[in-house]
Amino acid sequence: MILPNLKEAKKRTKDPVLTKQFNISNDLVLIGQGKSYYIKTYGCQMNERDSEDIKGILEHIGFKEVFDYEQADLVLLNTCSIRENANDKAFGMLGRLKHLKQQKKDLIVGLCGCMAQEEIVINQILTKYKWLNFVFGTHNIINLPYLINQNMIFNKLMIEVPSIEGNIIEGIPSKRLFNHKAFVNIIYGCDKFCTYCIVPYTRGKQRSRTKEDIIKEIKALKKLGYQEVTLLGQNVNAYGKDLYNNYNLANLLEEVSKLGIARIRFVTSHPWDFTDEMIDVIAKYDNIMPAIHLPIQSGSNRILKLMGRRYTKEDYITLFNKIKKKIARVSISTDIIVGFPTETESDFNETIDLVNTCHFDNAFTFIYSKRVGTVAFKMEDNIQEKVKEQRLQLLNKTVNKYFLQNNLKYENQIVEILVDGIDLKTKQLYGYTDTNKLVYFPGTENLIGHIIKVKITKPKTWSLEGIIQSEN
């Protein structure tokens, strides 16, 4: 067994990052023939992108996807560790799978992703979930065929979770979630070590893919008819710092924009790395979408310092105003945490004041969640749960007010929508504007994957409703 170690995961050296090509031995190519798989994905876009690669690997060795886990021969949970709630959901699913495995003795159950990189999780697995077949981490997805094969032979729990800085693997077969828009990894890991965040431990050090490999992937997607790419990373703005002397995200955005793909997005940004050069490039090219996710986390400088965010609220507001001034029609979303250790009523009110200043288009709001191994875990959590919940409610009431105000500006406007699919509840088509506004509208399935014009008829707090405009 290879078990995770948080002390090892924290290390950052100047050792070079190795880029390897995916390959698989011939004796593993058909081990999944005649078998089916089901993947449950938790968490962020990086996890979704990992699941696309996992699916590609599984189908490369013969497995076929099913969408009912009770019908699968292999069930894999690709997990998230950013908050305790995500862990609880995954363990709840494992409980259901335990009962299923008692009925289906040959069922293979695996767990991977960020949870697997946590020592505390592996300890729980070794204590309460020994019936699992295998566990692997974020750094060794390509070992999946070997783990499956070994489990078929020995039928015992295997844990392979190295705590390493990480390398880069190119050429992994991938089964994309959509046929018209795609995530493209440009940088892995994070070196920021915000005091509340487990990601630097679970995802390894900051390491950029080469611009040549990124451009090659996007050219291939464009050739296949993809309309949109999202450049992806835990801290996407840091792209190139570890690899080049004079090539960064602004340069990459400009180069990608010249490929002619219709829509380009990027997530997630850290305010500390957001440069004027980036703002100018986004403003210059129409196919770089004017929608920016810019997490603030708190409006209190005291709390921001405790969080290790490396900027002040004044820095953030200055950057916010630059973006608003230079990029036409830009929408800005954010992340906010309430109830961080020692947060006072005054600290929280500063967060509300910042929201009232910035009028965000969207915000992902959370109560602080302890993560074992982080610096903040050792801080005194002296805030009652009911106080945290009250603050979250007030914050949500405040941000929702501005969501609606911003959306009301779209009434009677004609906007371009990339159609993503059909909503199962409303039976309407849905898609997003260039400013990342979700829009529902009646239409036919043949429009999925196309960019069309829609007139907004009914703005709501979290979405817009509209009708398709004819080309005449």
Protein backbone atom coordinates (compact mmCIF):
# COMPACT_ATOMS: atom_id res chain seq x y z
CA MET A 1 0.00 0.00 0.00
CA ILE A 2 1.00 3.60 -0.65
CA LEU A 3 -0.65 5.86 1.94
CA PRO A 4 -0.98 9.67 1.81
CA ASN A 5 1.12 11.88 4.05
CA LEU A 6 0.19 15.54 4.56
CA LYS A 7 3.72 16.54 5.54
CA GLU A 8 5.03 15.15 2.27
CA ALA A 9 2.15 16.76 0.37
CA LYS A 10 3.13 20.17 1.73
CA LYS A 11 6.69 20.01 0.41
CA ARG A 12 7.67 22.24 -2.49
CA THR A 13 11.02 21.70 -4.19
CA LYS A 14 12.66 23.03 -7.32
CA ASP A 15 12.70 19.55 -8.85
CA PRO A 16 11.66 19.67 -12.50
CA VAL A 17 8.14 18.58 -13.43
CA LEU A 18 8.21 15.60 -15.75
CA THR A 19 5.89 15.38 -18.74
CA LYS A 20 5.06 11.81 -19.72
CA GLN A 21 2.92 10.27 -22.45
CA PHE A 22 0.06 7.98 -21.52
CA ASN A 23 0.53 4.37 -22.52
CA ILE A 24 -0.87 1.07 -21.39
CA SER A 25 0.57 -2.43 -21.61
CA ASN A 26 -1.07 -4.77 -24.09
CA ASP A 27 -2.09 -7.27 -21.41
CA LEU A 28 -4.41 -4.64 -19.82
CA VAL A 29 -6.15 -3.37 -22.95
CA LEU A 30 -9.14 -5.73 -22.88
CA ILE A 31 -9.60 -6.40 -19.15
CA GLY A 32 -12.91 -4.52 -19.11
CA GLN A 33 -14.40 -6.19 -22.16
CA GLY A 34 -18.02 -7.16 -21.54
CA LYS A 35 -18.15 -5.12 -18.31
CA SER A 36 -19.77 -1.80 -17.43
CA TYR A 37 -18.84 1.15 -15.25
CA TYR A 38 -20.51 4.01 -13.39
CA ILE A 39 -18.74 7.15 -12.14
CA LYS A 40 -20.11 9.54 -9.52
CA THR A 41 -18.26 12.87 -9.58
CA TYR A 42 -18.19 15.34 -6.69
CA GLY A 43 -16.70 18.82 -6.56
CA CYS A 44 -15.13 21.27 -8.96
CA GLN A 45 -14.45 21.47 -12.68
CA MET A 46 -11.04 19.85 -12.14
CA ASN A 47 -12.80 16.76 -10.81
CA GLU A 48 -15.18 16.79 -13.76
CA ARG A 49 -12.21 16.98 -16.10
CA ASP A 50 -10.51 14.11 -14.25
CA SER A 51 -13.67 12.04 -14.64
CA GLU A 52 -13.56 12.62 -18.39
CA ASP A 53 -10.07 11.13 -18.43
CA ILE A 54 -11.09 8.26 -16.16
CA LYS A 55 -13.96 7.43 -18.48
CA GLY A 56 -11.61 7.58 -21.46
CA ILE A 57 -9.19 5.17 -19.79
CA LEU A 58 -11.96 2.77 -18.78
CA GLU A 59 -13.40 2.68 -22.29
CA HIS A 60 -9.89 2.26 -23.69
CA ILE A 61 -9.68 -1.04 -21.79
CA GLY A 62 -13.11 -2.25 -22.83
CA PHE A 63 -15.60 -0.98 -20.21
CA LYS A 64 -18.93 0.56 -21.28
CA GLU A 65 -20.63 3.34 -19.35
CA VAL A 66 -24.02 2.84 -17.66
CA PHE A 67 -26.03 5.52 -15.83
CA ASP A 68 -27.48 3.37 -13.06
CA TYR A 69 -24.90 2.33 -10.49
CA GLU A 70 -26.92 -0.74 -9.55
CA GLN A 71 -26.38 -2.10 -13.06
CA ALA A 72 -22.60 -1.52 -13.14
CA ASP A 73 -19.78 -4.01 -12.72
CA LEU A 74 -17.47 -1.20 -11.57
CA VAL A 75 -18.52 1.84 -9.51
CA LEU A 76 -16.03 4.64 -8.98
CA LEU A 77 -16.46 7.70 -6.75
CA ASN A 78 -14.34 10.67 -7.83
CA THR A 79 -14.37 12.75 -4.67
CA CYS A 80 -13.95 16.30 -3.42
CA SER A 81 -12.42 17.39 -0.12
CA ILE A 82 -12.93 21.14 -0.17
CA ARG A 83 -15.69 20.97 2.49
CA GLU A 84 -16.87 18.47 5.05
CA ASN A 85 -20.25 18.22 3.35
CA ALA A 86 -18.58 16.79 0.23
CA ASN A 87 -16.91 14.10 2.35
CA ASP A 88 -20.23 13.26 4.00
CA LYS A 89 -21.93 12.80 0.63
CA ALA A 90 -19.23 10.43 -0.59
CA PHE A 91 -19.32 8.35 2.60
CA GLY A 92 -23.11 8.25 2.34
CA MET A 93 -22.80 6.84 -1.17
CA LEU A 94 -20.30 4.27 0.07
CA GLY A 95 -22.93 3.12 2.56
CA ARG A 96 -25.36 2.42 -0.28
CA LEU A 97 -22.67 0.66 -2.27
CA LYS A 98 -21.82 -1.59 0.69
CA HIS A 99 -25.37 -2.95 0.62
CA LEU A 100 -25.21 -3.39 -3.15
CA LYS A 101 -21.88 -5.20 -2.89
CA GLN A 102 -23.42 -7.66 -0.42
CA GLN A 103 -25.90 -8.57 -3.16
CA LYS A 104 -23.41 -8.45 -6.05
CA LYS A 105 -20.28 -10.20 -4.79
CA ASP A 106 -18.30 -9.44 -7.97
CA LEU A 107 -19.03 -5.71 -7.86
CA ILE A 108 -15.82 -3.64 -7.93
CA VAL A 109 -15.97 -0.37 -5.96
CA GLY A 110 -13.21 2.25 -6.09
CA LEU A 111 -12.64 5.68 -4.59
CA CYS A 112 -10.38 8.37 -6.02
CA GLY A 113 -9.91 12.12 -6.15
CA CYS A 114 -9.09 14.66 -3.47
CA MET A 115 -10.62 12.80 -0.51
CA ALA A 116 -8.26 9.93 -1.21
CA GLN A 117 -5.29 12.27 -0.62
CA GLU A 118 -6.36 12.95 2.99
CA GLU A 119 -4.78 10.87 5.74
CA ILE A 120 -7.92 11.07 7.87
CA VAL A 121 -10.03 9.63 5.04
CA ILE A 122 -7.68 6.73 4.40
CA ASN A 123 -7.69 5.97 8.13
CA GLN A 124 -11.50 5.79 8.01
CA ILE A 125 -11.35 3.50 5.00
CA LEU A 126 -8.89 1.18 6.70
CA THR A 127 -11.17 1.09 9.77
CA LYS A 128 -14.70 1.06 8.37
CA TYR A 129 -14.53 0.44 4.61
CA LYS A 130 -12.14 -2.47 4.16
CA TRP A 131 -14.66 -3.98 1.74
CA LEU A 132 -13.61 -1.39 -0.87
CA ASN A 133 -11.61 -2.79 -3.78
CA PHE A 134 -9.16 0.03 -4.40
CA VAL A 135 -8.33 3.66 -3.70
CA PHE A 136 -6.11 5.95 -5.78
CA GLY A 137 -5.32 9.65 -5.67
CA THR A 138 -5.11 12.68 -7.91
CA HIS A 139 -1.58 11.96 -9.15
CA ASN A 140 -1.96 8.42 -10.51
CA ILE A 141 -5.15 8.21 -12.56
CA ILE A 142 -3.21 6.38 -15.27
CA ASN A 143 -2.65 3.45 -12.86
CA LEU A 144 -6.37 2.65 -12.90
CA PRO A 145 -6.13 -0.31 -15.35
CA TYR A 146 -3.37 -1.88 -13.23
CA LEU A 147 -5.42 -1.47 -10.04
CA ILE A 148 -8.48 -3.04 -11.62
CA ASN A 149 -6.44 -5.95 -12.95
CA GLN A 150 -4.68 -6.56 -9.65
CA ASN A 151 -7.99 -6.48 -7.83
CA MET A 152 -9.47 -9.02 -10.21
CA ILE A 153 -6.54 -11.32 -9.36
CA PHE A 154 -6.16 -10.80 -5.59
CA ASN A 155 -9.60 -9.42 -4.57
CA LYS A 156 -8.37 -7.36 -1.63
CA LEU A 157 -8.27 -3.67 -0.74
CA MET A 158 -5.50 -1.83 -2.58
CA ILE A 159 -4.53 1.74 -1.69
CA GLU A 160 -2.17 3.68 -3.95
CA VAL A 161 -2.17 7.34 -2.94
CA PRO A 162 1.24 8.97 -3.32
CA SER A 163 1.76 12.39 -1.70
CA ILE A 164 4.01 13.95 -4.32
CA GLU A 165 4.43 17.31 -6.01
CA GLY A 166 3.09 15.79 -9.21
CA ASN A 167 3.96 15.43 -12.86
CA ILE A 168 2.03 15.96 -16.11
CA ILE A 169 0.64 13.20 -18.28
CA GLU A 170 -0.24 13.98 -21.89
CA GLY A 171 -2.25 11.89 -24.32
CA ILE A 172 -4.76 10.41 -21.87
CA PRO A 173 -7.85 9.20 -23.78
CA SER A 174 -10.84 11.29 -22.76
CA LYS A 175 -14.61 10.97 -22.96
CA ARG A 176 -15.88 14.54 -22.95
CA LEU A 177 -19.05 15.50 -21.11
CA PHE A 178 -20.23 17.65 -24.04
CA ASN A 179 -19.70 17.63 -27.78
CA HIS A 180 -19.70 21.42 -28.07
CA LYS A 181 -17.76 22.77 -25.08
CA ALA A 182 -14.75 21.45 -23.21
CA PHE A 183 -12.52 21.97 -20.20
CA VAL A 184 -8.83 22.24 -21.06
CA ASN A 185 -6.35 21.88 -18.21
CA ILE A 186 -3.57 24.46 -18.44
CA ILE A 187 -2.11 24.27 -14.92
CA TYR A 188 -2.34 21.76 -12.10
CA GLY A 189 -1.91 22.18 -8.35
CA CYS A 190 -1.57 25.27 -6.20
CA ASP A 191 1.21 26.91 -4.17
CA LYS A 192 -0.89 29.58 -2.44
CA PHE A 193 -1.62 27.56 0.75
CA CYS A 194 -4.57 29.65 1.89
CA THR A 195 -4.96 28.66 5.54
CA TYR A 196 -8.44 27.13 5.12
CA CYS A 197 -7.74 25.20 1.91
CA ILE A 198 -6.76 21.56 1.50
CA VAL A 199 -6.23 21.79 -2.28
CA PRO A 200 -2.42 22.41 -2.23
CA TYR A 201 -2.11 19.17 -0.26
CA THR A 202 -4.44 17.11 -2.44
CA ARG A 203 -3.45 18.46 -5.86
CA GLY A 204 0.29 19.04 -5.56
CA LYS A 205 2.48 21.91 -6.59
CA GLN A 206 1.76 24.47 -9.27
CA ARG A 207 2.78 23.02 -12.64
CA SER A 208 1.91 24.32 -16.07
CA ARG A 209 1.37 22.36 -19.26
CA THR A 210 3.41 23.56 -22.21
CA LYS A 211 1.73 26.09 -24.46
CA GLU A 212 2.34 23.73 -27.39
CA ASP A 213 0.35 20.91 -25.78
CA ILE A 214 -2.49 23.25 -24.84
CA ILE A 215 -2.72 24.76 -28.32
CA LYS A 216 -2.59 21.29 -29.88
CA GLU A 217 -5.52 20.14 -27.74
CA ILE A 218 -7.62 23.22 -28.52
CA LYS A 219 -6.92 22.95 -32.27
CA ALA A 220 -8.14 19.34 -32.14
CA LEU A 221 -11.31 20.41 -30.31
CA LYS A 222 -12.00 23.16 -32.84
CA LYS A 223 -11.57 20.67 -35.67
CA LEU A 224 -14.20 18.47 -33.99
CA GLY A 225 -16.63 21.40 -33.95
CA TYR A 226 -16.33 22.56 -30.35
CA GLN A 227 -17.72 26.06 -29.80
CA GLU A 228 -16.25 26.80 -26.37
CA VAL A 229 -13.20 25.97 -24.29
CA THR A 230 -12.63 26.77 -20.63
CA LEU A 231 -8.98 27.04 -19.61
CA LEU A 232 -8.80 25.28 -16.29
CA GLY A 233 -6.64 25.36 -13.18
CA GLN A 234 -6.79 25.70 -9.41
CA ASN A 235 -5.09 29.08 -9.88
CA VAL A 236 -5.30 29.64 -13.60
CA ASN A 237 -3.79 33.15 -13.42
CA ALA A 238 -0.47 31.67 -12.32
CA TYR A 239 -0.09 29.87 -15.64
CA GLY A 240 3.48 29.85 -16.95
CA LYS A 241 5.22 31.15 -13.83
CA ASP A 242 6.84 27.78 -13.21
CA LEU A 243 7.66 27.13 -16.86
CA TYR A 244 8.50 30.32 -18.74
CA ASN A 245 10.34 33.56 -18.15
CA ASN A 246 8.15 35.75 -20.34
CA TYR A 247 4.99 33.83 -21.24
CA ASN A 248 1.90 33.97 -19.02
CA LEU A 249 -1.88 33.61 -19.06
CA ALA A 250 -2.34 36.87 -20.95
CA ASN A 251 -0.08 35.53 -23.72
CA LEU A 252 -1.89 32.19 -23.75
CA LEU A 253 -5.32 33.81 -23.88
CA GLU A 254 -4.25 35.91 -26.84
CA GLU A 255 -2.79 32.93 -28.67
CA VAL A 256 -5.88 30.80 -28.04
CA SER A 257 -8.19 33.61 -29.15
CA LYS A 258 -6.41 33.75 -32.53
CA LEU A 259 -7.28 30.09 -33.16
CA GLY A 260 -10.80 31.25 -33.97
CA ILE A 261 -12.76 29.18 -31.47
CA ALA A 262 -16.05 30.95 -30.76
CA ARG A 263 -15.89 31.18 -26.98
CA ILE A 264 -13.03 31.15 -24.47
CA ARG A 265 -13.41 31.15 -20.70
CA PHE A 266 -11.02 30.57 -17.80
CA VAL A 267 -11.36 29.57 -14.12
CA THR A 268 -10.44 29.99 -11.34
CA SER A 269 -8.64 33.28 -10.78
CA HIS A 270 -6.75 34.40 -7.69
CA PRO A 271 -6.86 38.21 -7.33
CA TRP A 272 -3.16 38.28 -6.45
CA ASP A 273 -2.18 37.05 -9.93
CA PHE A 274 -4.68 39.05 -12.02
CA THR A 275 -2.60 41.42 -14.15
CA ASP A 276 -3.38 44.56 -16.15
CA GLU A 277 -2.06 42.70 -19.19
CA MET A 278 -4.76 40.05 -18.73
CA ILE A 279 -7.46 42.71 -18.49
CA ASP A 280 -6.25 44.34 -21.72
CA VAL A 281 -6.24 41.03 -23.62
CA ILE A 282 -9.74 40.09 -22.43
CA ALA A 283 -11.01 43.53 -23.45
CA LYS A 284 -9.33 43.27 -26.87
CA TYR A 285 -10.76 39.95 -28.13
CA ASP A 286 -14.48 39.38 -28.61
CA ASN A 287 -14.18 35.60 -28.30
CA ILE A 288 -12.75 35.84 -24.76
CA MET A 289 -15.95 35.92 -22.73
CA PRO A 290 -16.55 38.94 -20.46
CA ALA A 291 -17.27 36.78 -17.41
CA ILE A 292 -14.72 36.55 -14.61
CA HIS A 293 -14.80 34.50 -11.43
CA LEU A 294 -12.80 36.40 -8.83
CA PRO A 295 -13.03 34.97 -5.29
CA ILE A 296 -12.82 37.53 -2.47
CA GLN A 297 -13.57 35.13 0.47
CA SER A 298 -14.01 37.95 3.02
CA GLY A 299 -14.40 41.72 3.11
CA SER A 300 -12.35 42.05 6.30
CA ASN A 301 -8.62 42.71 5.97
CA ARG A 302 -8.05 41.04 9.34
CA ILE A 303 -9.76 37.84 8.16
CA LEU A 304 -8.10 37.98 4.74
CA LYS A 305 -4.72 38.06 6.49
CA LEU A 306 -5.69 35.09 8.68
CA MET A 307 -6.79 33.29 5.53
CA GLY A 308 -3.41 33.92 3.90
CA ARG A 309 -5.01 35.55 0.87
CA ARG A 310 -2.15 38.05 0.27
CA TYR A 311 -4.33 41.00 -0.74
CA THR A 312 -6.50 43.55 1.06
CA LYS A 313 -10.09 44.46 0.33
CA GLU A 314 -8.78 47.75 -1.07
CA ASP A 315 -6.55 45.81 -3.49
CA TYR A 316 -9.53 43.73 -4.52
CA ILE A 317 -11.83 46.71 -5.08
CA THR A 318 -9.13 48.46 -7.15
CA LEU A 319 -8.81 45.36 -9.35
CA PHE A 320 -12.58 44.96 -9.52
CA ASN A 321 -13.01 48.55 -10.73
CA LYS A 322 -10.23 48.15 -13.33
CA ILE A 323 -11.97 45.11 -14.76
CA LYS A 324 -15.35 46.87 -14.80
CA LYS A 325 -13.89 49.95 -16.46
CA LYS A 326 -11.89 48.22 -19.20
CA ILE A 327 -14.01 45.18 -20.15
CA ALA A 328 -17.35 46.06 -21.71
CA ARG A 329 -20.45 44.40 -20.17
CA VAL A 330 -18.29 42.24 -17.90
CA SER A 331 -19.95 40.15 -15.21
CA ILE A 332 -17.99 39.26 -12.08
CA SER A 333 -18.76 36.40 -9.70
CA THR A 334 -17.06 35.52 -6.45
CA ASP A 335 -16.66 33.10 -3.51
CA ILE A 336 -17.33 34.16 0.09
CA ILE A 337 -16.77 32.27 3.34
CA VAL A 338 -18.57 33.24 6.55
CA GLY A 339 -17.76 32.06 10.04
CA PHE A 340 -13.99 31.82 9.59
CA PRO A 341 -12.32 31.35 13.01
CA THR A 342 -12.52 34.53 15.14
CA GLU A 343 -14.71 36.36 12.61
CA THR A 344 -16.49 39.09 14.55
CA GLU A 345 -19.74 40.84 13.78
CA SER A 346 -17.64 43.78 12.59
CA ASP A 347 -15.63 41.53 10.25
CA PHE A 348 -18.82 40.09 8.81
CA ASN A 349 -20.32 43.56 8.33
CA GLU A 350 -17.23 44.50 6.31
CA THR A 351 -18.02 41.58 4.01
CA ILE A 352 -21.58 42.86 3.60
CA ASP A 353 -20.21 46.34 2.88
CA LEU A 354 -17.94 44.91 0.18
CA VAL A 355 -20.89 43.11 -1.44
CA ASN A 356 -22.83 46.37 -1.36
CA THR A 357 -19.87 48.02 -3.12
CA CYS A 358 -19.26 45.40 -5.81
CA HIS A 359 -22.81 44.26 -6.67
CA PHE A 360 -21.62 40.82 -7.83
CA ASP A 361 -23.42 39.05 -10.66
CA ASN A 362 -23.12 35.76 -8.81
CA ALA A 363 -21.55 34.45 -5.61
CA PHE A 364 -20.89 31.05 -4.12
CA THR A 365 -21.33 31.45 -0.38
CA PHE A 366 -20.31 28.98 2.31
CA ILE A 367 -19.94 28.50 6.02
CA TYR A 368 -16.30 27.84 6.91
CA SER A 369 -15.51 24.12 6.92
CA LYS A 370 -12.61 22.74 8.95
CA ARG A 371 -10.05 20.73 6.98
CA VAL A 372 -7.63 18.55 8.92
CA GLY A 373 -4.02 19.44 8.11
CA THR A 374 -4.63 23.08 7.18
CA VAL A 375 -3.33 25.97 9.27
CA ALA A 376 -6.85 27.19 10.05
CA PHE A 377 -7.77 23.81 11.54
CA LYS A 378 -5.67 24.71 14.58
CA MET A 379 -7.31 28.13 15.00
CA GLU A 380 -9.92 28.59 17.70
CA ASP A 381 -13.35 28.18 16.14
CA ASN A 382 -15.23 30.35 18.61
CA ILE A 383 -18.36 31.13 16.60
CA GLN A 384 -21.63 29.35 17.36
CA GLU A 385 -23.17 27.40 14.49
CA LYS A 386 -26.43 29.34 14.71
CA VAL A 387 -24.46 32.60 14.33
CA LYS A 388 -22.69 31.23 11.25
CA GLU A 389 -26.03 30.21 9.77
CA GLN A 390 -27.56 33.62 10.49
CA ARG A 391 -24.62 35.33 8.79
CA LEU A 392 -24.92 33.07 5.76
CA GLN A 393 -28.64 33.84 5.49
CA LEU A 394 -28.00 37.59 5.65
CA LEU A 395 -25.17 37.31 3.13
CA ASN A 396 -27.35 35.32 0.74
CA LYS A 397 -30.18 37.82 1.07
CA THR A 398 -27.73 40.61 0.20
CA VAL A 399 -26.06 38.94 -2.78
CA ASN A 400 -29.42 37.76 -4.15
CA LYS A 401 -30.61 41.37 -4.27
CA TYR A 402 -27.79 42.25 -6.65
CA PHE A 403 -28.19 39.07 -8.71
CA LEU A 404 -31.73 40.21 -9.52
CA GLN A 405 -30.72 43.84 -10.09
CA ASN A 406 -28.05 42.78 -12.58
CA ASN A 407 -30.35 40.32 -14.34
CA LEU A 408 -33.13 42.92 -14.72
CA LYS A 409 -30.80 44.84 -17.05
CA TYR A 410 -31.18 42.00 -19.56
CA GLU A 411 -34.94 42.40 -19.98
CA ASN A 412 -35.86 42.79 -23.69
CA GLN A 413 -32.21 42.43 -24.70
CA ILE A 414 -31.23 40.04 -27.48
CA VAL A 415 -28.31 37.89 -26.38
CA GLU A 416 -26.28 35.08 -27.89
CA ILE A 417 -26.65 31.70 -26.19
CA LEU A 418 -24.57 28.56 -26.56
CA VAL A 419 -27.27 25.89 -26.19
CA ASP A 420 -26.21 23.19 -23.71
CA GLY A 421 -29.21 20.88 -23.52
CA ILE A 422 -32.78 20.30 -22.37
CA ASP A 423 -33.74 20.92 -18.75
CA LEU A 424 -35.39 17.79 -17.36
CA LYS A 425 -37.82 19.74 -15.14
CA THR A 426 -39.03 22.47 -17.47
CA LYS A 427 -38.48 20.57 -20.76
CA GLN A 428 -36.98 23.80 -22.12
CA LEU A 429 -33.62 24.38 -23.74
CA TYR A 430 -30.98 26.04 -21.64
CA GLY A 431 -27.61 27.66 -22.21
CA TYR A 432 -25.41 30.57 -21.20
CA THR A 433 -24.80 34.09 -22.42
CA ASP A 434 -21.26 35.35 -22.99
CA THR A 435 -21.52 36.87 -19.49
CA ASN A 436 -22.32 33.42 -18.07
CA LYS A 437 -26.01 34.07 -17.39
CA LEU A 438 -28.16 30.93 -17.43
CA VAL A 439 -31.10 31.23 -19.84
CA TYR A 440 -34.12 28.95 -20.36
CA PHE A 441 -36.20 29.08 -23.52
CA PRO A 442 -38.49 26.87 -25.62
CA GLY A 443 -36.89 25.18 -28.61
CA THR A 444 -35.97 21.94 -30.30
CA GLU A 445 -33.19 19.47 -29.54
CA ASN A 446 -31.40 20.08 -32.84
CA LEU A 447 -30.21 23.47 -31.51
CA ILE A 448 -28.00 21.88 -28.84
CA GLY A 449 -24.38 22.83 -29.44
CA HIS A 450 -25.24 25.89 -31.54
CA ILE A 451 -24.93 29.59 -30.73
CA ILE A 452 -28.29 31.29 -31.26
CA LYS A 453 -29.97 34.62 -30.52
CA VAL A 454 -32.52 34.77 -27.71
CA LYS A 455 -34.63 37.70 -26.51
CA ILE A 456 -34.85 37.90 -22.72
CA THR A 457 -38.48 38.15 -21.61
CA LYS A 458 -38.33 37.39 -17.89
CA PRO A 459 -35.30 38.05 -15.69
CA LYS A 460 -35.17 36.13 -12.41
CA THR A 461 -32.73 36.10 -9.51
CA TRP A 462 -30.68 33.07 -10.63
CA SER A 463 -31.63 32.75 -14.30
CA LEU A 464 -33.28 34.39 -17.29
CA GLU A 465 -36.13 33.26 -19.51
CA GLY A 466 -36.44 34.10 -23.18
CA ILE A 467 -37.61 33.28 -26.68
CA ILE A 468 -35.57 32.43 -29.78
CA GLN A 469 -35.17 35.20 -32.35
CA SER A 470 -35.42 34.29 -36.01
CA GLU A 471 -32.57 35.18 -38.33
CA ASN A 472 -34.85 37.30 -40.51
